[in-house]
mmCIF file of all heavy atoms, coordinates in Angstrom:
data_MODEL
# 
_entry.id   MODEL 
# 
loop_
_atom_site.group_PDB 
_atom_site.id 
_atom_site.type_symbol 
_atom_site.label_atom_id 
_atom_site.label_alt_id 
_atom_site.label_comp_id 
_atom_site.label_asym_id 
_atom_site.label_entity_id 
_atom_site.label_seq_id 
_atom_site.pdbx_PDB_ins_code 
_atom_site.Cartn_x 
_atom_site.Cartn_y 
_atom_site.Cartn_z 
_atom_site.occupancy 
_atom_site.B_iso_or_equiv 
_atom_site.pdbx_formal_charge 
_atom_site.auth_seq_id 
_atom_site.auth_comp_id 
_atom_site.auth_asym_id 
_atom_site.auth_atom_id 
_atom_site.pdbx_PDB_model_num 
ATOM 1   N N   . ALA A 1 1  ? -2.457 43.906 57.124 1.00 0.00 ? 1  ALA A N   1 
ATOM 2   C CA  . ALA A 1 1  ? -1.868 45.072 56.482 1.00 0.00 ? 1  ALA A CA  1 
ATOM 3   C C   . ALA A 1 1  ? -0.413 45.252 56.875 1.00 0.00 ? 1  ALA A C   1 
ATOM 4   O O   . ALA A 1 1  ? 0.392  45.737 56.116 1.00 0.00 ? 1  ALA A O   1 
ATOM 5   C CB  . ALA A 1 1  ? -2.656 46.334 56.847 1.00 0.00 ? 1  ALA A CB  1 
ATOM 6   N N   . ASP A 1 2  ? -0.032 44.850 58.088 1.00 0.00 ? 2  ASP A N   1 
ATOM 7   C CA  . ASP A 1 2  ? 1.341  45.042 58.528 1.00 0.00 ? 2  ASP A CA  1 
ATOM 8   C C   . ASP A 1 2  ? 2.187  43.802 58.310 1.00 0.00 ? 2  ASP A C   1 
ATOM 9   O O   . ASP A 1 2  ? 3.312  43.715 58.760 1.00 0.00 ? 2  ASP A O   1 
ATOM 10  C CB  . ASP A 1 2  ? 1.383  45.402 60.017 1.00 0.00 ? 2  ASP A CB  1 
ATOM 11  C CG  . ASP A 1 2  ? 0.785  44.312 60.883 1.00 0.00 ? 2  ASP A CG  1 
ATOM 12  O OD1 . ASP A 1 2  ? 0.214  43.358 60.321 1.00 0.00 ? 2  ASP A OD1 1 
ATOM 13  O OD2 . ASP A 1 2  ? 0.907  44.411 62.108 1.00 0.00 ? 2  ASP A OD2 1 
ATOM 14  N N   . GLY A 1 3  ? 1.649  42.800 57.619 1.00 0.00 ? 3  GLY A N   1 
ATOM 15  C CA  . GLY A 1 3  ? 2.403  41.603 57.300 1.00 0.00 ? 3  GLY A CA  1 
ATOM 16  C C   . GLY A 1 3  ? 2.408  40.572 58.400 1.00 0.00 ? 3  GLY A C   1 
ATOM 17  O O   . GLY A 1 3  ? 3.026  39.540 58.279 1.00 0.00 ? 3  GLY A O   1 
ATOM 18  N N   . ALA A 1 4  ? 1.718  40.807 59.498 1.00 0.00 ? 4  ALA A N   1 
ATOM 19  C CA  . ALA A 1 4  ? 1.709  39.865 60.604 1.00 0.00 ? 4  ALA A CA  1 
ATOM 20  C C   . ALA A 1 4  ? 0.574  38.873 60.428 1.00 0.00 ? 4  ALA A C   1 
ATOM 21  O O   . ALA A 1 4  ? -0.357 39.076 59.668 1.00 0.00 ? 4  ALA A O   1 
ATOM 22  C CB  . ALA A 1 4  ? 1.549  40.608 61.933 1.00 0.00 ? 4  ALA A CB  1 
ATOM 23  N N   . ALA A 1 5  ? 0.652  37.784 61.161 1.00 0.00 ? 5  ALA A N   1 
ATOM 24  C CA  . ALA A 1 5  ? -0.413 36.794 61.107 1.00 0.00 ? 5  ALA A CA  1 
ATOM 25  C C   . ALA A 1 5  ? -1.650 37.328 61.793 1.00 0.00 ? 5  ALA A C   1 
ATOM 26  O O   . ALA A 1 5  ? -1.599 38.246 62.606 1.00 0.00 ? 5  ALA A O   1 
ATOM 27  C CB  . ALA A 1 5  ? 0.061  35.513 61.796 1.00 0.00 ? 5  ALA A CB  1 
ATOM 28  N N   . ALA A 1 6  ? -2.793 36.727 61.465 1.00 0.00 ? 6  ALA A N   1 
ATOM 29  C CA  . ALA A 1 6  ? -4.056 37.178 62.053 1.00 0.00 ? 6  ALA A CA  1 
ATOM 30  C C   . ALA A 1 6  ? -4.018 37.014 63.553 1.00 0.00 ? 6  ALA A C   1 
ATOM 31  O O   . ALA A 1 6  ? -3.504 36.051 64.080 1.00 0.00 ? 6  ALA A O   1 
ATOM 32  C CB  . ALA A 1 6  ? -5.206 36.351 61.464 1.00 0.00 ? 6  ALA A CB  1 
ATOM 33  N N   . SER A 1 7  ? -4.575 37.987 64.256 1.00 0.00 ? 7  SER A N   1 
ATOM 34  C CA  . SER A 1 7  ? -4.540 37.951 65.713 1.00 0.00 ? 7  SER A CA  1 
ATOM 35  C C   . SER A 1 7  ? -5.557 36.954 66.233 1.00 0.00 ? 7  SER A C   1 
ATOM 36  O O   . SER A 1 7  ? -6.534 36.620 65.590 1.00 0.00 ? 7  SER A O   1 
ATOM 37  C CB  . SER A 1 7  ? -4.837 39.345 66.266 1.00 0.00 ? 7  SER A CB  1 
ATOM 38  O OG  . SER A 1 7  ? -6.117 39.749 65.862 1.00 0.00 ? 7  SER A OG  1 
ATOM 39  N N   . THR A 1 8  ? -5.300 36.471 67.452 1.00 0.00 ? 8  THR A N   1 
ATOM 40  C CA  . THR A 1 8  ? -6.189 35.497 68.050 1.00 0.00 ? 8  THR A CA  1 
ATOM 41  C C   . THR A 1 8  ? -6.142 35.663 69.553 1.00 0.00 ? 8  THR A C   1 
ATOM 42  O O   . THR A 1 8  ? -5.159 36.123 70.102 1.00 0.00 ? 8  THR A O   1 
ATOM 43  C CB  . THR A 1 8  ? -5.783 34.061 67.664 1.00 0.00 ? 8  THR A CB  1 
ATOM 44  O OG1 . THR A 1 8  ? -6.637 33.158 68.336 1.00 0.00 ? 8  THR A OG1 1 
ATOM 45  C CG2 . THR A 1 8  ? -4.342 33.746 68.068 1.00 0.00 ? 8  THR A CG2 1 
ATOM 46  N N   . THR A 1 9  ? -7.195 35.269 70.218 1.00 0.00 ? 9  THR A N   1 
ATOM 47  C CA  . THR A 1 9  ? -7.232 35.363 71.671 1.00 0.00 ? 9  THR A CA  1 
ATOM 48  C C   . THR A 1 9  ? -6.823 34.047 72.305 1.00 0.00 ? 9  THR A C   1 
ATOM 49  O O   . THR A 1 9  ? -6.675 33.975 73.510 1.00 0.00 ? 9  THR A O   1 
ATOM 50  C CB  . THR A 1 9  ? -8.662 35.712 72.142 1.00 0.00 ? 9  THR A CB  1 
ATOM 51  O OG1 . THR A 1 9  ? -9.578 34.730 71.634 1.00 0.00 ? 9  THR A OG1 1 
ATOM 52  C CG2 . THR A 1 9  ? -9.074 37.082 71.637 1.00 0.00 ? 9  THR A CG2 1 
ATOM 53  N N   . GLU A 1 10 ? -6.605 32.989 71.497 1.00 0.00 ? 10 GLU A N   1 
ATOM 54  C CA  . GLU A 1 10 ? -6.221 31.702 72.054 1.00 0.00 ? 10 GLU A CA  1 
ATOM 55  C C   . GLU A 1 10 ? -4.777 31.750 72.523 1.00 0.00 ? 10 GLU A C   1 
ATOM 56  O O   . GLU A 1 10 ? -3.892 32.213 71.823 1.00 0.00 ? 10 GLU A O   1 
ATOM 57  C CB  . GLU A 1 10 ? -6.394 30.611 70.993 1.00 0.00 ? 10 GLU A CB  1 
ATOM 58  C CG  . GLU A 1 10 ? -6.073 29.211 71.511 1.00 0.00 ? 10 GLU A CG  1 
ATOM 59  C CD  . GLU A 1 10 ? -6.303 28.144 70.458 1.00 0.00 ? 10 GLU A CD  1 
ATOM 60  O OE1 . GLU A 1 10 ? -6.927 28.474 69.440 1.00 0.00 ? 10 GLU A OE1 1 
ATOM 61  O OE2 . GLU A 1 10 ? -5.858 27.016 70.676 1.00 0.00 ? 10 GLU A OE2 1 
ATOM 62  N N   . ARG A 1 11 ? -4.484 31.252 73.715 1.00 0.00 ? 11 ARG A N   1 
ATOM 63  C CA  . ARG A 1 11 ? -3.133 31.287 74.238 1.00 0.00 ? 11 ARG A CA  1 
ATOM 64  C C   . ARG A 1 11 ? -2.296 30.203 73.586 1.00 0.00 ? 11 ARG A C   1 
ATOM 65  O O   . ARG A 1 11 ? -2.707 29.057 73.476 1.00 0.00 ? 11 ARG A O   1 
ATOM 66  C CB  . ARG A 1 11 ? -3.167 31.083 75.758 1.00 0.00 ? 11 ARG A CB  1 
ATOM 67  C CG  . ARG A 1 11 ? -1.799 31.205 76.392 1.00 0.00 ? 11 ARG A CG  1 
ATOM 68  C CD  . ARG A 1 11 ? -1.902 31.069 77.886 1.00 0.00 ? 11 ARG A CD  1 
ATOM 69  N NE  . ARG A 1 11 ? -0.588 31.161 78.495 1.00 0.00 ? 11 ARG A NE  1 
ATOM 70  C CZ  . ARG A 1 11 ? -0.366 31.021 79.787 1.00 0.00 ? 11 ARG A CZ  1 
ATOM 71  N NH1 . ARG A 1 11 ? -1.390 30.819 80.604 1.00 0.00 ? 11 ARG A NH1 1 
ATOM 72  N NH2 . ARG A 1 11 ? 0.838  31.100 80.287 1.00 0.00 ? 11 ARG A NH2 1 
ATOM 73  N N   . VAL A 1 12 ? -1.120 30.569 73.122 1.00 0.00 ? 12 VAL A N   1 
ATOM 74  C CA  . VAL A 1 12 ? -0.230 29.645 72.449 1.00 0.00 ? 12 VAL A CA  1 
ATOM 75  C C   . VAL A 1 12 ? 1.047  29.542 73.268 1.00 0.00 ? 12 VAL A C   1 
ATOM 76  O O   . VAL A 1 12 ? 1.667  30.556 73.591 1.00 0.00 ? 12 VAL A O   1 
ATOM 77  C CB  . VAL A 1 12 ? 0.092  30.114 71.018 1.00 0.00 ? 12 VAL A CB  1 
ATOM 78  C CG1 . VAL A 1 12 ? 1.080  29.165 70.363 1.00 0.00 ? 12 VAL A CG1 1 
ATOM 79  C CG2 . VAL A 1 12 ? -1.179 30.202 70.196 1.00 0.00 ? 12 VAL A CG2 1 
ATOM 80  N N   . HIS A 1 13 ? 1.466  28.319 73.618 1.00 0.00 ? 13 HIS A N   1 
ATOM 81  C CA  . HIS A 1 13 ? 2.702  28.107 74.352 1.00 0.00 ? 13 HIS A CA  1 
ATOM 82  C C   . HIS A 1 13 ? 3.848  28.025 73.354 1.00 0.00 ? 13 HIS A C   1 
ATOM 83  O O   . HIS A 1 13 ? 3.972  27.057 72.597 1.00 0.00 ? 13 HIS A O   1 
ATOM 84  C CB  . HIS A 1 13 ? 2.623  26.818 75.174 1.00 0.00 ? 13 HIS A CB  1 
ATOM 85  C CG  . HIS A 1 13 ? 1.607  26.874 76.263 1.00 0.00 ? 13 HIS A CG  1 
ATOM 86  N ND1 . HIS A 1 13 ? 1.821  27.537 77.449 1.00 0.00 ? 13 HIS A ND1 1 
ATOM 87  C CD2 . HIS A 1 13 ? 0.349  26.375 76.336 1.00 0.00 ? 13 HIS A CD2 1 
ATOM 88  C CE1 . HIS A 1 13 ? 0.755  27.423 78.219 1.00 0.00 ? 13 HIS A CE1 1 
ATOM 89  N NE2 . HIS A 1 13 ? -0.146 26.734 77.564 1.00 0.00 ? 13 HIS A NE2 1 
ATOM 90  N N   . SER A 1 14 ? 4.686  29.040 73.338 1.00 0.00 ? 14 SER A N   1 
ATOM 91  C CA  . SER A 1 14 ? 5.803  29.077 72.397 1.00 0.00 ? 14 SER A CA  1 
ATOM 92  C C   . SER A 1 14 ? 6.819  30.085 72.893 1.00 0.00 ? 14 SER A C   1 
ATOM 93  O O   . SER A 1 14 ? 6.548  30.903 73.757 1.00 0.00 ? 14 SER A O   1 
ATOM 94  C CB  . SER A 1 14 ? 5.326  29.460 70.995 1.00 0.00 ? 14 SER A CB  1 
ATOM 95  O OG  . SER A 1 14 ? 4.729  30.733 70.998 1.00 0.00 ? 14 SER A OG  1 
ATOM 96  N N   . SER A 1 15 ? 8.025  30.009 72.315 1.00 0.00 ? 15 SER A N   1 
ATOM 97  C CA  . SER A 1 15 ? 9.101  30.927 72.679 1.00 0.00 ? 15 SER A CA  1 
ATOM 98  C C   . SER A 1 15 ? 9.077  32.141 71.766 1.00 0.00 ? 15 SER A C   1 
ATOM 99  O O   . SER A 1 15 ? 8.442  32.130 70.707 1.00 0.00 ? 15 SER A O   1 
ATOM 100 C CB  . SER A 1 15 ? 10.445 30.210 72.552 1.00 0.00 ? 15 SER A CB  1 
ATOM 101 O OG  . SER A 1 15 ? 10.712 29.930 71.183 1.00 0.00 ? 15 SER A OG  1 
ATOM 102 N N   . PRO A 1 16 ? 9.799  33.232 72.140 1.00 0.00 ? 16 PRO A N   1 
ATOM 103 C CA  . PRO A 1 16 ? 9.858  34.406 71.256 1.00 0.00 ? 16 PRO A CA  1 
ATOM 104 C C   . PRO A 1 16 ? 10.410 34.076 69.877 1.00 0.00 ? 16 PRO A C   1 
ATOM 105 O O   . PRO A 1 16 ? 9.958  34.633 68.878 1.00 0.00 ? 16 PRO A O   1 
ATOM 106 C CB  . PRO A 1 16 ? 10.794 35.351 72.023 1.00 0.00 ? 16 PRO A CB  1 
ATOM 107 C CG  . PRO A 1 16 ? 10.676 34.940 73.442 1.00 0.00 ? 16 PRO A CG  1 
ATOM 108 C CD  . PRO A 1 16 ? 10.469 33.466 73.418 1.00 0.00 ? 16 PRO A CD  1 
ATOM 109 N N   . LEU A 1 17 ? 11.388 33.141 69.791 1.00 0.00 ? 17 LEU A N   1 
ATOM 110 C CA  . LEU A 1 17 ? 11.945 32.761 68.499 1.00 0.00 ? 17 LEU A CA  1 
ATOM 111 C C   . LEU A 1 17 ? 10.884 32.120 67.622 1.00 0.00 ? 17 LEU A C   1 
ATOM 112 O O   . LEU A 1 17 ? 10.773 32.427 66.424 1.00 0.00 ? 17 LEU A O   1 
ATOM 113 C CB  . LEU A 1 17 ? 13.111 31.786 68.708 1.00 0.00 ? 17 LEU A CB  1 
ATOM 114 C CG  . LEU A 1 17 ? 13.725 31.195 67.436 1.00 0.00 ? 17 LEU A CG  1 
ATOM 115 C CD1 . LEU A 1 17 ? 14.289 32.298 66.554 1.00 0.00 ? 17 LEU A CD1 1 
ATOM 116 C CD2 . LEU A 1 17 ? 14.805 30.173 67.779 1.00 0.00 ? 17 LEU A CD2 1 
ATOM 117 N N   . VAL A 1 18 ? 10.072 31.238 68.211 1.00 0.00 ? 18 VAL A N   1 
ATOM 118 C CA  . VAL A 1 18 ? 9.011  30.584 67.443 1.00 0.00 ? 18 VAL A CA  1 
ATOM 119 C C   . VAL A 1 18 ? 8.006  31.603 66.942 1.00 0.00 ? 18 VAL A C   1 
ATOM 120 O O   . VAL A 1 18 ? 7.582  31.574 65.780 1.00 0.00 ? 18 VAL A O   1 
ATOM 121 C CB  . VAL A 1 18 ? 8.312  29.504 68.311 1.00 0.00 ? 18 VAL A CB  1 
ATOM 122 C CG1 . VAL A 1 18 ? 7.031  29.026 67.639 1.00 0.00 ? 18 VAL A CG1 1 
ATOM 123 C CG2 . VAL A 1 18 ? 9.247  28.341 68.548 1.00 0.00 ? 18 VAL A CG2 1 
ATOM 124 N N   . ARG A 1 19 ? 7.636  32.563 67.805 1.00 0.00 ? 19 ARG A N   1 
ATOM 125 C CA  . ARG A 1 19 ? 6.657  33.562 67.388 1.00 0.00 ? 19 ARG A CA  1 
ATOM 126 C C   . ARG A 1 19 ? 7.218  34.471 66.291 1.00 0.00 ? 19 ARG A C   1 
ATOM 127 O O   . ARG A 1 19 ? 6.497  34.896 65.390 1.00 0.00 ? 19 ARG A O   1 
ATOM 128 C CB  . ARG A 1 19 ? 6.207  34.381 68.596 1.00 0.00 ? 19 ARG A CB  1 
ATOM 129 C CG  . ARG A 1 19 ? 5.384  33.563 69.595 1.00 0.00 ? 19 ARG A CG  1 
ATOM 130 C CD  . ARG A 1 19 ? 4.701  34.459 70.620 1.00 0.00 ? 19 ARG A CD  1 
ATOM 131 N NE  . ARG A 1 19 ? 5.628  34.973 71.601 1.00 0.00 ? 19 ARG A NE  1 
ATOM 132 C CZ  . ARG A 1 19 ? 6.000  34.309 72.687 1.00 0.00 ? 19 ARG A CZ  1 
ATOM 133 N NH1 . ARG A 1 19 ? 5.535  33.097 72.920 1.00 0.00 ? 19 ARG A NH1 1 
ATOM 134 N NH2 . ARG A 1 19 ? 6.831  34.873 73.553 1.00 0.00 ? 19 ARG A NH2 1 
ATOM 135 N N   . ARG A 1 20 ? 8.520  34.742 66.362 1.00 0.00 ? 20 ARG A N   1 
ATOM 136 C CA  . ARG A 1 20 ? 9.127  35.572 65.315 1.00 0.00 ? 20 ARG A CA  1 
ATOM 137 C C   . ARG A 1 20 ? 9.137  34.835 63.978 1.00 0.00 ? 20 ARG A C   1 
ATOM 138 O O   . ARG A 1 20 ? 8.802  35.406 62.932 1.00 0.00 ? 20 ARG A O   1 
ATOM 139 C CB  . ARG A 1 20 ? 10.554 35.950 65.712 1.00 0.00 ? 20 ARG A CB  1 
ATOM 140 C CG  . ARG A 1 20 ? 11.269 36.776 64.663 1.00 0.00 ? 20 ARG A CG  1 
ATOM 141 C CD  . ARG A 1 20 ? 12.619 37.251 65.155 1.00 0.00 ? 20 ARG A CD  1 
ATOM 142 N NE  . ARG A 1 20 ? 13.523 36.157 65.449 1.00 0.00 ? 20 ARG A NE  1 
ATOM 143 C CZ  . ARG A 1 20 ? 14.209 35.488 64.505 1.00 0.00 ? 20 ARG A CZ  1 
ATOM 144 N NH1 . ARG A 1 20 ? 14.074 35.815 63.226 1.00 0.00 ? 20 ARG A NH1 1 
ATOM 145 N NH2 . ARG A 1 20 ? 15.017 34.500 64.840 1.00 0.00 ? 20 ARG A NH2 1 
ATOM 146 N N   . LEU A 1 21 ? 9.496  33.543 63.984 1.00 0.00 ? 21 LEU A N   1 
ATOM 147 C CA  . LEU A 1 21 ? 9.492  32.764 62.746 1.00 0.00 ? 21 LEU A CA  1 
ATOM 148 C C   . LEU A 1 21 ? 8.086  32.649 62.175 1.00 0.00 ? 21 LEU A C   1 
ATOM 149 O O   . LEU A 1 21 ? 7.882  32.725 60.957 1.00 0.00 ? 21 LEU A O   1 
ATOM 150 C CB  . LEU A 1 21 ? 10.073 31.365 63.016 1.00 0.00 ? 21 LEU A CB  1 
ATOM 151 C CG  . LEU A 1 21 ? 11.580 31.306 63.308 1.00 0.00 ? 21 LEU A CG  1 
ATOM 152 C CD1 . LEU A 1 21 ? 11.968 29.892 63.728 1.00 0.00 ? 21 LEU A CD1 1 
ATOM 153 C CD2 . LEU A 1 21 ? 12.374 31.738 62.086 1.00 0.00 ? 21 LEU A CD2 1 
ATOM 154 N N   . ALA A 1 22 ? 7.104  32.479 63.070 1.00 0.00 ? 22 ALA A N   1 
ATOM 155 C CA  . ALA A 1 22 ? 5.720  32.381 62.607 1.00 0.00 ? 22 ALA A CA  1 
ATOM 156 C C   . ALA A 1 22 ? 5.270  33.668 61.946 1.00 0.00 ? 22 ALA A C   1 
ATOM 157 O O   . ALA A 1 22 ? 4.593  33.662 60.912 1.00 0.00 ? 22 ALA A O   1 
ATOM 158 C CB  . ALA A 1 22 ? 4.803  32.027 63.778 1.00 0.00 ? 22 ALA A CB  1 
ATOM 159 N N   . LYS A 1 23 ? 5.665  34.800 62.531 1.00 0.00 ? 23 LYS A N   1 
ATOM 160 C CA  . LYS A 1 23 ? 5.287  36.094 61.956 1.00 0.00 ? 23 LYS A CA  1 
ATOM 161 C C   . LYS A 1 23 ? 5.954  36.302 60.606 1.00 0.00 ? 23 LYS A C   1 
ATOM 162 O O   . LYS A 1 23 ? 5.319  36.757 59.651 1.00 0.00 ? 23 LYS A O   1 
ATOM 163 C CB  . LYS A 1 23 ? 5.678  37.212 62.926 1.00 0.00 ? 23 LYS A CB  1 
ATOM 164 C CG  . LYS A 1 23 ? 5.324  38.607 62.421 1.00 0.00 ? 23 LYS A CG  1 
ATOM 165 C CD  . LYS A 1 23 ? 5.696  39.673 63.445 1.00 0.00 ? 23 LYS A CD  1 
ATOM 166 C CE  . LYS A 1 23 ? 5.345  41.063 62.920 1.00 0.00 ? 23 LYS A CE  1 
ATOM 167 N NZ  . LYS A 1 23 ? 5.710  42.124 63.890 1.00 0.00 ? 23 LYS A NZ  1 
ATOM 168 N N   . GLU A 1 24 ? 7.246  35.942 60.499 1.00 0.00 ? 24 GLU A N   1 
ATOM 169 C CA  . GLU A 1 24 ? 7.968  36.140 59.246 1.00 0.00 ? 24 GLU A CA  1 
ATOM 170 C C   . GLU A 1 24 ? 7.389  35.300 58.115 1.00 0.00 ? 24 GLU A C   1 
ATOM 171 O O   . GLU A 1 24 ? 7.423  35.705 56.949 1.00 0.00 ? 24 GLU A O   1 
ATOM 172 C CB  . GLU A 1 24 ? 9.449  35.783 59.446 1.00 0.00 ? 24 GLU A CB  1 
ATOM 173 C CG  . GLU A 1 24 ? 10.206 36.788 60.307 1.00 0.00 ? 24 GLU A CG  1 
ATOM 174 C CD  . GLU A 1 24 ? 11.636 36.369 60.544 1.00 0.00 ? 24 GLU A CD  1 
ATOM 175 O OE1 . GLU A 1 24 ? 12.009 35.245 60.116 1.00 0.00 ? 24 GLU A OE1 1 
ATOM 176 O OE2 . GLU A 1 24 ? 12.400 37.150 61.155 1.00 0.00 ? 24 GLU A OE2 1 
ATOM 177 N N   . HIS A 1 25 ? 6.849  34.119 58.445 1.00 0.00 ? 25 HIS A N   1 
ATOM 178 C CA  . HIS A 1 25 ? 6.332  33.220 57.411 1.00 0.00 ? 25 HIS A CA  1 
ATOM 179 C C   . HIS A 1 25 ? 4.807  33.162 57.398 1.00 0.00 ? 25 HIS A C   1 
ATOM 180 O O   . HIS A 1 25 ? 4.228  32.278 56.760 1.00 0.00 ? 25 HIS A O   1 
ATOM 181 C CB  . HIS A 1 25 ? 6.909  31.814 57.608 1.00 0.00 ? 25 HIS A CB  1 
ATOM 182 C CG  . HIS A 1 25 ? 8.401  31.745 57.404 1.00 0.00 ? 25 HIS A CG  1 
ATOM 183 N ND1 . HIS A 1 25 ? 8.972  31.542 56.176 1.00 0.00 ? 25 HIS A ND1 1 
ATOM 184 C CD2 . HIS A 1 25 ? 9.432  31.905 58.278 1.00 0.00 ? 25 HIS A CD2 1 
ATOM 185 C CE1 . HIS A 1 25 ? 10.296 31.540 56.294 1.00 0.00 ? 25 HIS A CE1 1 
ATOM 186 N NE2 . HIS A 1 25 ? 10.605 31.754 57.569 1.00 0.00 ? 25 HIS A NE2 1 
ATOM 187 N N   . SER A 1 26 ? 4.156  34.100 58.110 1.00 0.00 ? 26 SER A N   1 
ATOM 188 C CA  . SER A 1 26 ? 2.686  34.206 58.125 1.00 0.00 ? 26 SER A CA  1 
ATOM 189 C C   . SER A 1 26 ? 2.028  32.885 58.511 1.00 0.00 ? 26 SER A C   1 
ATOM 190 O O   . SER A 1 26 ? 1.131  32.384 57.824 1.00 0.00 ? 26 SER A O   1 
ATOM 191 C CB  . SER A 1 26 ? 2.179  34.686 56.755 1.00 0.00 ? 26 SER A CB  1 
ATOM 192 O OG  . SER A 1 26 ? 2.685  35.949 56.449 1.00 0.00 ? 26 SER A OG  1 
ATOM 193 N N   . ILE A 1 27 ? 2.480  32.298 59.600 1.00 0.00 ? 27 ILE A N   1 
ATOM 194 C CA  . ILE A 1 27 ? 1.928  31.030 60.082 1.00 0.00 ? 27 ILE A CA  1 
ATOM 195 C C   . ILE A 1 27 ? 1.105  31.295 61.332 1.00 0.00 ? 27 ILE A C   1 
ATOM 196 O O   . ILE A 1 27 ? 1.560  31.977 62.257 1.00 0.00 ? 27 ILE A O   1 
ATOM 197 C CB  . ILE A 1 27 ? 3.053  30.023 60.395 1.00 0.00 ? 27 ILE A CB  1 
ATOM 198 C CG1 . ILE A 1 27 ? 3.807  29.673 59.107 1.00 0.00 ? 27 ILE A CG1 1 
ATOM 199 C CG2 . ILE A 1 27 ? 2.490  28.764 61.042 1.00 0.00 ? 27 ILE A CG2 1 
ATOM 200 C CD1 . ILE A 1 27 ? 5.035  28.825 59.347 1.00 0.00 ? 27 ILE A CD1 1 
ATOM 201 N N   . ASP A 1 28 ? -0.101 30.794 61.356 1.00 0.00 ? 28 ASP A N   1 
ATOM 202 C CA  . ASP A 1 28 ? -0.987 30.935 62.509 1.00 0.00 ? 28 ASP A CA  1 
ATOM 203 C C   . ASP A 1 28 ? -0.660 29.828 63.502 1.00 0.00 ? 28 ASP A C   1 
ATOM 204 O O   . ASP A 1 28 ? -0.923 28.657 63.257 1.00 0.00 ? 28 ASP A O   1 
ATOM 205 C CB  . ASP A 1 28 ? -2.446 30.841 62.053 1.00 0.00 ? 28 ASP A CB  1 
ATOM 206 C CG  . ASP A 1 28 ? -3.414 31.131 63.196 1.00 0.00 ? 28 ASP A CG  1 
ATOM 207 O OD1 . ASP A 1 28 ? -2.949 31.311 64.336 1.00 0.00 ? 28 ASP A OD1 1 
ATOM 208 O OD2 . ASP A 1 28 ? -4.625 31.177 62.934 1.00 0.00 ? 28 ASP A OD2 1 
ATOM 209 N N   . LEU A 1 29 ? -0.071 30.191 64.647 1.00 0.00 ? 29 LEU A N   1 
ATOM 210 C CA  . LEU A 1 29 ? 0.361  29.197 65.628 1.00 0.00 ? 29 LEU A CA  1 
ATOM 211 C C   . LEU A 1 29 ? -0.805 28.431 66.247 1.00 0.00 ? 29 LEU A C   1 
ATOM 212 O O   . LEU A 1 29 ? -0.623 27.325 66.759 1.00 0.00 ? 29 LEU A O   1 
ATOM 213 C CB  . LEU A 1 29 ? 1.177  29.873 66.728 1.00 0.00 ? 29 LEU A CB  1 
ATOM 214 C CG  . LEU A 1 29 ? 2.547  30.413 66.302 1.00 0.00 ? 29 LEU A CG  1 
ATOM 215 C CD1 . LEU A 1 29 ? 3.219  31.111 67.472 1.00 0.00 ? 29 LEU A CD1 1 
ATOM 216 C CD2 . LEU A 1 29 ? 3.430  29.304 65.781 1.00 0.00 ? 29 LEU A CD2 1 
# 
């Protein structure tokens, strides 16, 4: 509903920039 990717409990190794790009393009890391 808020335009973010689906939440997950799996830990993802990534930087804040990567997570921001993933959120903007609805990509599940």
